[in-house]
Amino acid sequence: MDRYDSLYDESETAQVRFFGFASDRKRYDFGVVFTHKFYGKPLVVCMQTGRSTLLSSEDAHNPAYLQHIFRIDCSEEAEELAQFFQEYLPSMPFEENQY
């Protein structure tokens, strides 16, 4: 490891929640990792594609971002997904990242 400077190496017991649901057009399977890192934003992972992002309910107000990050073809589908995340993800007050 002489070639890399270690930035951090921490362990944390995190809560993980899995969501599986279907719309009229598509099935979704997400894993959500709730952590104290990353300003407290949950890490949302699409279990089908492996694509992930840090996302709070406020971030979910941007369906175009969700459409881009999760490669959703239909804007209406992105709107429905945004509504789902707004309901199920926590609202995040700003806090300093804990490094």
N, C-alpha and C. Protein backbone atom coordinates (compact mmCIF):
# COMPACT_ATOMS: atom_id res chain seq x y z
N MET A 1 0.82 -1.19 0.00
CA MET A 1 0.00 0.00 0.00
C MET A 1 0.86 1.25 0.00
N ASP A 2 2.10 1.13 -0.34
CA ASP A 2 2.99 2.29 -0.36
C ASP A 2 2.61 3.30 -1.42
N ARG A 3 1.85 2.89 -2.41
CA ARG A 3 1.51 3.77 -3.52
C ARG A 3 0.30 4.65 -3.23
N TYR A 4 -0.40 4.40 -2.12
CA TYR A 4 -1.62 5.14 -1.81
C TYR A 4 -1.55 5.72 -0.42
N ASP A 5 -2.08 6.92 -0.26
CA ASP A 5 -2.22 7.54 1.05
C ASP A 5 -3.59 7.15 1.60
N SER A 6 -3.62 6.56 2.76
CA SER A 6 -4.89 6.16 3.36
C SER A 6 -5.67 7.40 3.80
N LEU A 7 -6.91 7.51 3.38
CA LEU A 7 -7.76 8.64 3.76
C LEU A 7 -8.60 8.32 4.98
N TYR A 8 -9.15 7.13 5.02
CA TYR A 8 -9.87 6.67 6.20
C TYR A 8 -10.10 5.18 6.09
N ASP A 9 -10.28 4.56 7.23
CA ASP A 9 -10.58 3.14 7.32
C ASP A 9 -11.41 2.97 8.58
N GLU A 10 -12.73 3.02 8.41
CA GLU A 10 -13.64 2.99 9.55
C GLU A 10 -14.66 1.89 9.37
N SER A 11 -15.13 1.38 10.48
CA SER A 11 -16.22 0.41 10.47
C SER A 11 -17.44 1.05 11.12
N GLU A 12 -18.59 0.66 10.64
CA GLU A 12 -19.84 1.20 11.18
C GLU A 12 -20.91 0.13 11.06
N THR A 13 -21.72 0.02 12.06
CA THR A 13 -22.89 -0.84 11.96
C THR A 13 -23.99 0.00 11.33
N ALA A 14 -24.36 -0.37 10.12
CA ALA A 14 -25.34 0.42 9.36
C ALA A 14 -26.66 -0.32 9.25
N GLN A 15 -27.72 0.43 9.14
CA GLN A 15 -29.04 -0.14 8.90
C GLN A 15 -29.24 -0.22 7.39
N VAL A 16 -29.73 -1.34 6.91
CA VAL A 16 -30.00 -1.53 5.48
C VAL A 16 -31.46 -1.91 5.33
N ARG A 17 -32.09 -1.27 4.35
CA ARG A 17 -33.49 -1.58 4.06
C ARG A 17 -33.60 -1.92 2.58
N PHE A 18 -34.38 -2.93 2.26
CA PHE A 18 -34.56 -3.34 0.88
C PHE A 18 -36.00 -3.07 0.46
N PHE A 19 -36.15 -2.46 -0.73
CA PHE A 19 -37.46 -2.16 -1.29
C PHE A 19 -37.60 -2.90 -2.61
N GLY A 20 -38.68 -3.59 -2.79
CA GLY A 20 -39.01 -4.19 -4.08
C GLY A 20 -40.44 -3.82 -4.41
N PHE A 21 -40.65 -3.26 -5.57
CA PHE A 21 -42.00 -2.85 -5.96
C PHE A 21 -42.08 -2.80 -7.48
N ALA A 22 -43.29 -2.75 -7.97
CA ALA A 22 -43.50 -2.71 -9.42
C ALA A 22 -44.47 -1.59 -9.76
N SER A 23 -44.19 -0.93 -10.86
CA SER A 23 -45.12 0.06 -11.41
C SER A 23 -45.84 -0.62 -12.57
N ASP A 24 -46.59 0.15 -13.32
CA ASP A 24 -47.26 -0.41 -14.49
C ASP A 24 -46.26 -0.82 -15.57
N ARG A 25 -45.06 -0.20 -15.54
CA ARG A 25 -44.09 -0.41 -16.60
C ARG A 25 -42.89 -1.26 -16.23
N LYS A 26 -42.52 -1.27 -14.92
CA LYS A 26 -41.23 -1.85 -14.57
C LYS A 26 -41.20 -2.31 -13.12
N ARG A 27 -40.31 -3.26 -12.84
CA ARG A 27 -40.06 -3.72 -11.47
C ARG A 27 -38.80 -3.02 -10.96
N TYR A 28 -38.81 -2.68 -9.67
CA TYR A 28 -37.66 -2.04 -9.03
C TYR A 28 -37.24 -2.83 -7.80
N ASP A 29 -35.94 -2.92 -7.60
CA ASP A 29 -35.37 -3.53 -6.40
C ASP A 29 -34.23 -2.62 -5.94
N PHE A 30 -34.39 -2.02 -4.77
CA PHE A 30 -33.39 -1.11 -4.24
C PHE A 30 -32.93 -1.56 -2.87
N GLY A 31 -31.66 -1.34 -2.61
CA GLY A 31 -31.11 -1.47 -1.27
C GLY A 31 -30.75 -0.07 -0.80
N VAL A 32 -31.11 0.26 0.42
CA VAL A 32 -30.82 1.58 0.97
C VAL A 32 -29.98 1.39 2.23
N VAL A 33 -28.78 1.95 2.22
CA VAL A 33 -27.86 1.85 3.35
C VAL A 33 -27.89 3.17 4.10
N PHE A 34 -28.36 3.12 5.34
CA PHE A 34 -28.42 4.31 6.18
C PHE A 34 -27.12 4.36 6.98
N THR A 35 -26.38 5.46 6.85
CA THR A 35 -25.06 5.57 7.44
C THR A 35 -24.85 6.97 8.01
N HIS A 36 -23.85 7.13 8.84
CA HIS A 36 -23.50 8.44 9.37
C HIS A 36 -22.48 9.15 8.46
N LYS A 37 -21.95 8.44 7.50
CA LYS A 37 -21.02 9.04 6.55
C LYS A 37 -21.81 9.81 5.49
N PHE A 38 -21.11 10.49 4.63
CA PHE A 38 -21.71 11.17 3.48
C PHE A 38 -22.79 12.17 3.89
N TYR A 39 -22.49 12.93 4.93
CA TYR A 39 -23.43 13.95 5.42
C TYR A 39 -24.75 13.34 5.87
N GLY A 40 -24.75 12.07 6.18
CA GLY A 40 -25.96 11.39 6.64
C GLY A 40 -26.90 10.95 5.54
N LYS A 41 -26.54 11.17 4.28
CA LYS A 41 -27.42 10.76 3.18
C LYS A 41 -27.34 9.26 2.98
N PRO A 42 -28.47 8.61 2.79
CA PRO A 42 -28.45 7.17 2.52
C PRO A 42 -27.83 6.87 1.15
N LEU A 43 -27.19 5.72 1.07
CA LEU A 43 -26.67 5.22 -0.19
C LEU A 43 -27.75 4.33 -0.79
N VAL A 44 -28.26 4.71 -1.96
CA VAL A 44 -29.34 3.98 -2.63
C VAL A 44 -28.72 3.21 -3.79
N VAL A 45 -28.92 1.88 -3.78
CA VAL A 45 -28.34 1.01 -4.80
C VAL A 45 -29.45 0.28 -5.54
N CYS A 46 -29.45 0.38 -6.85
CA CYS A 46 -30.38 -0.41 -7.67
C CYS A 46 -29.81 -1.82 -7.73
N MET A 47 -30.54 -2.77 -7.19
CA MET A 47 -30.04 -4.14 -7.11
C MET A 47 -30.01 -4.82 -8.48
N GLN A 48 -30.71 -4.28 -9.46
CA GLN A 48 -30.74 -4.88 -10.78
C GLN A 48 -29.55 -4.43 -11.64
N THR A 49 -29.15 -3.17 -11.49
CA THR A 49 -28.08 -2.63 -12.35
C THR A 49 -26.78 -2.35 -11.61
N GLY A 50 -26.85 -2.24 -10.28
CA GLY A 50 -25.67 -1.89 -9.49
C GLY A 50 -25.41 -0.39 -9.45
N ARG A 51 -26.20 0.39 -10.15
CA ARG A 51 -26.01 1.85 -10.13
C ARG A 51 -26.44 2.38 -8.76
N SER A 52 -25.70 3.36 -8.26
CA SER A 52 -25.97 3.87 -6.92
C SER A 52 -25.78 5.37 -6.85
N THR A 53 -26.36 5.95 -5.80
CA THR A 53 -26.22 7.38 -5.55
C THR A 53 -26.51 7.65 -4.08
N LEU A 54 -26.00 8.76 -3.59
CA LEU A 54 -26.37 9.26 -2.27
C LEU A 54 -27.63 10.08 -2.48
N LEU A 55 -28.67 9.82 -1.67
CA LEU A 55 -29.96 10.42 -1.97
C LEU A 55 -30.75 10.67 -0.70
N SER A 56 -31.28 11.88 -0.57
CA SER A 56 -32.21 12.19 0.51
C SER A 56 -33.57 12.48 -0.13
N SER A 57 -34.59 12.67 0.72
CA SER A 57 -35.91 12.96 0.15
C SER A 57 -35.90 14.28 -0.61
N GLU A 58 -35.09 15.25 -0.17
CA GLU A 58 -35.01 16.53 -0.90
C GLU A 58 -34.40 16.33 -2.28
N ASP A 59 -33.38 15.46 -2.37
CA ASP A 59 -32.75 15.19 -3.66
C ASP A 59 -33.72 14.52 -4.63
N ALA A 60 -34.66 13.78 -4.08
CA ALA A 60 -35.63 13.04 -4.91
C ALA A 60 -36.63 13.98 -5.58
N HIS A 61 -36.60 15.27 -5.25
CA HIS A 61 -37.48 16.23 -5.92
C HIS A 61 -37.01 16.51 -7.34
N ASN A 62 -35.91 15.90 -7.75
CA ASN A 62 -35.36 16.11 -9.08
C ASN A 62 -35.48 14.81 -9.89
N PRO A 63 -36.64 14.58 -10.50
CA PRO A 63 -36.84 13.34 -11.26
C PRO A 63 -35.86 13.19 -12.42
N ALA A 64 -35.42 14.29 -13.00
CA ALA A 64 -34.46 14.19 -14.11
C ALA A 64 -33.15 13.57 -13.65
N TYR A 65 -32.73 13.89 -12.42
CA TYR A 65 -31.53 13.28 -11.86
C TYR A 65 -31.72 11.77 -11.68
N LEU A 66 -32.87 11.38 -11.12
CA LEU A 66 -33.16 9.96 -10.94
C LEU A 66 -33.22 9.24 -12.29
N GLN A 67 -33.80 9.89 -13.27
CA GLN A 67 -33.90 9.31 -14.60
C GLN A 67 -32.50 9.07 -15.17
N HIS A 68 -31.61 10.02 -14.95
CA HIS A 68 -30.25 9.88 -15.44
C HIS A 68 -29.46 8.81 -14.67
N ILE A 69 -29.46 8.89 -13.36
CA ILE A 69 -28.61 8.01 -12.56
C ILE A 69 -29.05 6.56 -12.62
N PHE A 70 -30.36 6.31 -12.68
CA PHE A 70 -30.86 4.95 -12.72
C PHE A 70 -31.25 4.50 -14.13
N ARG A 71 -30.95 5.34 -15.11
CA ARG A 71 -31.20 5.04 -16.53
C ARG A 71 -32.64 4.62 -16.79
N ILE A 72 -33.54 5.50 -16.42
CA ILE A 72 -34.97 5.25 -16.61
C ILE A 72 -35.38 5.87 -17.94
N ASP A 73 -36.04 5.11 -18.78
CA ASP A 73 -36.40 5.57 -20.12
C ASP A 73 -37.52 6.60 -20.13
N CYS A 74 -38.48 6.46 -19.26
CA CYS A 74 -39.70 7.25 -19.30
C CYS A 74 -39.71 8.31 -18.19
N SER A 75 -39.99 9.55 -18.55
CA SER A 75 -40.01 10.62 -17.54
C SER A 75 -41.14 10.43 -16.53
N GLU A 76 -42.27 9.86 -16.96
CA GLU A 76 -43.37 9.60 -16.03
C GLU A 76 -42.94 8.58 -14.97
N GLU A 77 -42.15 7.60 -15.40
CA GLU A 77 -41.63 6.58 -14.48
C GLU A 77 -40.67 7.22 -13.47
N ALA A 78 -39.86 8.15 -13.91
CA ALA A 78 -38.95 8.87 -13.02
C ALA A 78 -39.73 9.70 -12.01
N GLU A 79 -40.85 10.29 -12.43
CA GLU A 79 -41.70 11.06 -11.52
C GLU A 79 -42.26 10.15 -10.42
N GLU A 80 -42.72 8.95 -10.81
CA GLU A 80 -43.26 8.02 -9.82
C GLU A 80 -42.18 7.56 -8.85
N LEU A 81 -40.98 7.30 -9.36
CA LEU A 81 -39.88 6.90 -8.51
C LEU A 81 -39.50 8.04 -7.56
N ALA A 82 -39.52 9.27 -8.05
CA ALA A 82 -39.23 10.43 -7.20
C ALA A 82 -40.23 10.52 -6.06
N GLN A 83 -41.49 10.31 -6.35
CA GLN A 83 -42.51 10.34 -5.30
C GLN A 83 -42.27 9.25 -4.27
N PHE A 84 -41.89 8.07 -4.73
CA PHE A 84 -41.60 6.97 -3.81
C PHE A 84 -40.44 7.35 -2.87
N PHE A 85 -39.34 7.84 -3.43
CA PHE A 85 -38.18 8.20 -2.61
C PHE A 85 -38.49 9.36 -1.67
N GLN A 86 -39.29 10.31 -2.12
CA GLN A 86 -39.65 11.43 -1.24
C GLN A 86 -40.39 10.93 0.00
N GLU A 87 -41.15 9.88 -0.16
CA GLU A 87 -41.91 9.33 0.96
C GLU A 87 -41.07 8.44 1.87
N TYR A 88 -40.16 7.65 1.29
CA TYR A 88 -39.46 6.63 2.05
C TYR A 88 -38.04 7.00 2.49
N LEU A 89 -37.46 8.04 1.93
CA LEU A 89 -36.12 8.44 2.37
C LEU A 89 -36.23 9.56 3.39
N PRO A 90 -35.29 9.63 4.31
CA PRO A 90 -35.36 10.67 5.34
C PRO A 90 -35.02 12.04 4.79
N SER A 91 -35.60 13.04 5.43
CA SER A 91 -35.24 14.42 5.16
C SER A 91 -33.94 14.68 5.89
N MET A 92 -33.02 15.37 5.25
CA MET A 92 -31.69 15.51 5.82
C MET A 92 -31.39 16.97 6.20
N PRO A 93 -31.21 17.23 7.50
CA PRO A 93 -30.69 18.55 7.87
C PRO A 93 -29.21 18.58 7.52
N PHE A 94 -28.71 19.75 7.20
CA PHE A 94 -27.29 19.84 6.85
C PHE A 94 -26.45 19.58 8.08
N GLU A 95 -25.46 18.71 7.94
CA GLU A 95 -24.51 18.46 9.02
C GLU A 95 -23.14 18.22 8.42
N GLU A 96 -22.13 18.53 9.19
CA GLU A 96 -20.76 18.33 8.72
C GLU A 96 -20.48 16.85 8.55
N ASN A 97 -19.71 16.50 7.52
CA ASN A 97 -19.30 15.12 7.32
C ASN A 97 -18.36 14.73 8.45
N GLN A 98 -18.53 13.54 9.00
CA GLN A 98 -17.74 13.12 10.15
C GLN A 98 -16.52 12.32 9.70
N TYR A 99 -15.42 13.01 9.41
CA TYR A 99 -14.17 12.33 9.05
C TYR A 99 -13.26 12.33 10.23
